[in-house]
Amino acid sequence: MQFFLDSTDLEEIKRLNSFGIIDGLTTNPSLIYKSKTPFKLLIKKLCDEILGPVSVETVAENSNQMIKEGIKLSKMAKNIVVKLPMT
């Protein structure tokens, strides 16, 4: 079993990660917006704190833009996993 935390609250993430049970992290555009931290800075901090996969979702409106955005996101850190929303 693996535990993935769904958060962008860095203090919460650090606290829970200190227990050694967090395998990865999921985020979404709403959580990132609520953090009020610049996007690139937040993602860097999250990826530095969590050694496992960090899920980041694209916000583009069509598939071509999603793929381009996903490629850019994937280059931000080695542990980024890109989610393409298909809703």
C-alpha atoms as a PDB file:
ATOM      1  CA  MET A   1       0.000   0.000   0.000  1.00  0.00           C
ATOM      2  CA  GLN A   2       1.146   3.533  -0.733  1.00  0.00           C
ATOM      3  CA  PHE A   3      -0.009   6.806   0.811  1.00  0.00           C
ATOM      4  CA  PHE A   4      -0.402   9.899  -1.346  1.00  0.00           C
ATOM      5  CA  LEU A   5      -1.204  13.212   0.296  1.00  0.00           C
ATOM      6  CA  ASP A   6      -3.550  15.620  -1.529  1.00  0.00           C
ATOM      7  CA  SER A   7      -2.273  19.025  -0.433  1.00  0.00           C
ATOM      8  CA  THR A   8      -0.145  22.050  -1.237  1.00  0.00           C
ATOM      9  CA  ASP A   9       0.170  23.181   2.391  1.00  0.00           C
ATOM     10  CA  LEU A  10       3.933  22.943   2.777  1.00  0.00           C
ATOM     11  CA  GLU A  11       3.880  22.951   6.584  1.00  0.00           C
ATOM     12  CA  GLU A  12       1.295  20.164   6.644  1.00  0.00           C
ATOM     13  CA  ILE A  13       3.298  18.230   4.062  1.00  0.00           C
ATOM     14  CA  LYS A  14       6.534  18.600   6.032  1.00  0.00           C
ATOM     15  CA  ARG A  15       4.845  17.494   9.257  1.00  0.00           C
ATOM     16  CA  LEU A  16       3.220  14.416   7.731  1.00  0.00           C
ATOM     17  CA  ASN A  17       6.287  13.576   5.653  1.00  0.00           C
ATOM     18  CA  SER A  18       8.375  13.524   8.843  1.00  0.00           C
ATOM     19  CA  PHE A  19       6.488  10.359   9.866  1.00  0.00           C
ATOM     20  CA  GLY A  20       8.018   8.591   6.862  1.00  0.00           C
ATOM     21  CA  ILE A  21       4.729   7.286   5.477  1.00  0.00           C
ATOM     22  CA  ILE A  22       4.067   9.647   2.558  1.00  0.00           C
ATOM     23  CA  ASP A  23       4.915   8.000  -0.771  1.00  0.00           C
ATOM     24  CA  GLY A  24       3.777  10.802  -3.063  1.00  0.00           C
ATOM     25  CA  LEU A  25       1.751  13.948  -3.426  1.00  0.00           C
ATOM     26  CA  THR A  26      -1.211  14.988  -5.536  1.00  0.00           C
ATOM     27  CA  THR A  27      -2.138  18.574  -6.305  1.00  0.00           C
ATOM     28  CA  ASN A  28      -4.722  20.279  -8.448  1.00  0.00           C
ATOM     29  CA  PRO A  29      -5.150  23.797  -9.823  1.00  0.00           C
ATOM     30  CA  SER A  30      -7.566  24.786  -7.029  1.00  0.00           C
ATOM     31  CA  LEU A  31      -5.152  23.756  -4.280  1.00  0.00           C
ATOM     32  CA  ILE A  32      -2.281  25.524  -6.016  1.00  0.00           C
ATOM     33  CA  TYR A  33      -4.344  28.710  -6.389  1.00  0.00           C
ATOM     34  CA  LYS A  34      -5.391  28.653  -2.717  1.00  0.00           C
ATOM     35  CA  SER A  35      -1.763  28.387  -1.606  1.00  0.00           C
ATOM     36  CA  LYS A  36      -1.110  31.949  -2.860  1.00  0.00           C
ATOM     37  CA  THR A  37       2.467  30.911  -3.644  1.00  0.00           C
ATOM     38  CA  PRO A  38       3.926  31.495  -7.114  1.00  0.00           C
ATOM     39  CA  PHE A  39       3.368  28.320  -9.131  1.00  0.00           C
ATOM     40  CA  LYS A  40       6.982  27.478 -10.038  1.00  0.00           C
ATOM     41  CA  LEU A  41       8.236  28.189  -6.523  1.00  0.00           C
ATOM     42  CA  LEU A  42       5.505  26.050  -4.961  1.00  0.00           C
ATOM     43  CA  ILE A  43       6.126  23.113  -7.291  1.00  0.00           C
ATOM     44  CA  LYS A  44       9.878  23.284  -6.637  1.00  0.00           C
ATOM     45  CA  LYS A  45       9.317  23.261  -2.865  1.00  0.00           C
ATOM     46  CA  LEU A  46       6.843  20.385  -3.089  1.00  0.00           C
ATOM     47  CA  CYS A  47       9.182  18.315  -5.265  1.00  0.00           C
ATOM     48  CA  ASP A  48      12.106  19.027  -2.945  1.00  0.00           C
ATOM     49  CA  GLU A  49      10.107  17.879   0.104  1.00  0.00           C
ATOM     50  CA  ILE A  50       8.518  14.750  -1.385  1.00  0.00           C
ATOM     51  CA  LEU A  51      10.940  12.206  -2.824  1.00  0.00           C
ATOM     52  CA  GLY A  52       8.206  10.193  -4.559  1.00  0.00           C
ATOM     53  CA  PRO A  53       5.880  11.242  -7.368  1.00  0.00           C
ATOM     54  CA  VAL A  54       4.291  14.694  -7.279  1.00  0.00           C
ATOM     55  CA  SER A  55       1.188  14.938  -9.455  1.00  0.00           C
ATOM     56  CA  VAL A  56       0.651  18.261 -11.231  1.00  0.00           C
ATOM     57  CA  GLU A  57      -2.385  18.877 -13.428  1.00  0.00           C
ATOM     58  CA  THR A  58      -2.451  20.826 -16.673  1.00  0.00           C
ATOM     59  CA  VAL A  59      -4.936  23.677 -17.055  1.00  0.00           C
ATOM     60  CA  ALA A  60      -4.934  24.047 -20.846  1.00  0.00           C
ATOM     61  CA  GLU A  61      -8.260  23.817 -22.633  1.00  0.00           C
ATOM     62  CA  ASN A  62      -7.469  21.488 -25.530  1.00  0.00           C
ATOM     63  CA  SER A  63      -5.424  18.345 -25.970  1.00  0.00           C
ATOM     64  CA  ASN A  64      -2.600  19.911 -27.999  1.00  0.00           C
ATOM     65  CA  GLN A  65      -2.086  22.635 -25.389  1.00  0.00           C
ATOM     66  CA  MET A  66      -2.334  20.059 -22.584  1.00  0.00           C
ATOM     67  CA  ILE A  67       0.462  18.010 -24.120  1.00  0.00           C
ATOM     68  CA  LYS A  68       2.691  21.068 -24.557  1.00  0.00           C
ATOM     69  CA  GLU A  69       1.972  22.217 -21.011  1.00  0.00           C
ATOM     70  CA  GLY A  70       2.547  18.699 -19.690  1.00  0.00           C
ATOM     71  CA  ILE A  71       5.970  18.532 -21.311  1.00  0.00           C
ATOM     72  CA  LYS A  72       6.944  21.842 -19.685  1.00  0.00           C
ATOM     73  CA  LEU A  73       5.640  20.701 -16.301  1.00  0.00           C
ATOM     74  CA  SER A  74       7.509  17.406 -16.528  1.00  0.00           C
ATOM     75  CA  LYS A  75      10.799  19.264 -16.926  1.00  0.00           C
ATOM     76  CA  MET A  76      10.372  21.172 -13.645  1.00  0.00           C
ATOM     77  CA  ALA A  77      11.544  18.223 -11.514  1.00  0.00           C
ATOM     78  CA  LYS A  78      12.429  14.556 -11.952  1.00  0.00           C
ATOM     79  CA  ASN A  79       9.598  13.391  -9.688  1.00  0.00           C
ATOM     80  CA  ILE A  80       6.739  15.231 -11.449  1.00  0.00           C
ATOM     81  CA  VAL A  81       3.873  13.175 -12.779  1.00  0.00           C
ATOM     82  CA  VAL A  82       1.574  15.088 -15.151  1.00  0.00           C
ATOM     83  CA  LYS A  83      -2.185  14.654 -15.061  1.00  0.00           C
ATOM     84  CA  LEU A  84      -4.214  15.587 -18.129  1.00  0.00           C
ATOM     85  CA  PRO A  85      -7.813  16.261 -17.091  1.00  0.00           C
ATOM     86  CA  MET A  86     -10.257  14.828 -19.565  1.00  0.00           C
ATOM     87  CA  THR A  87     -13.460  16.439 -18.313  1.00  0.00           C
END
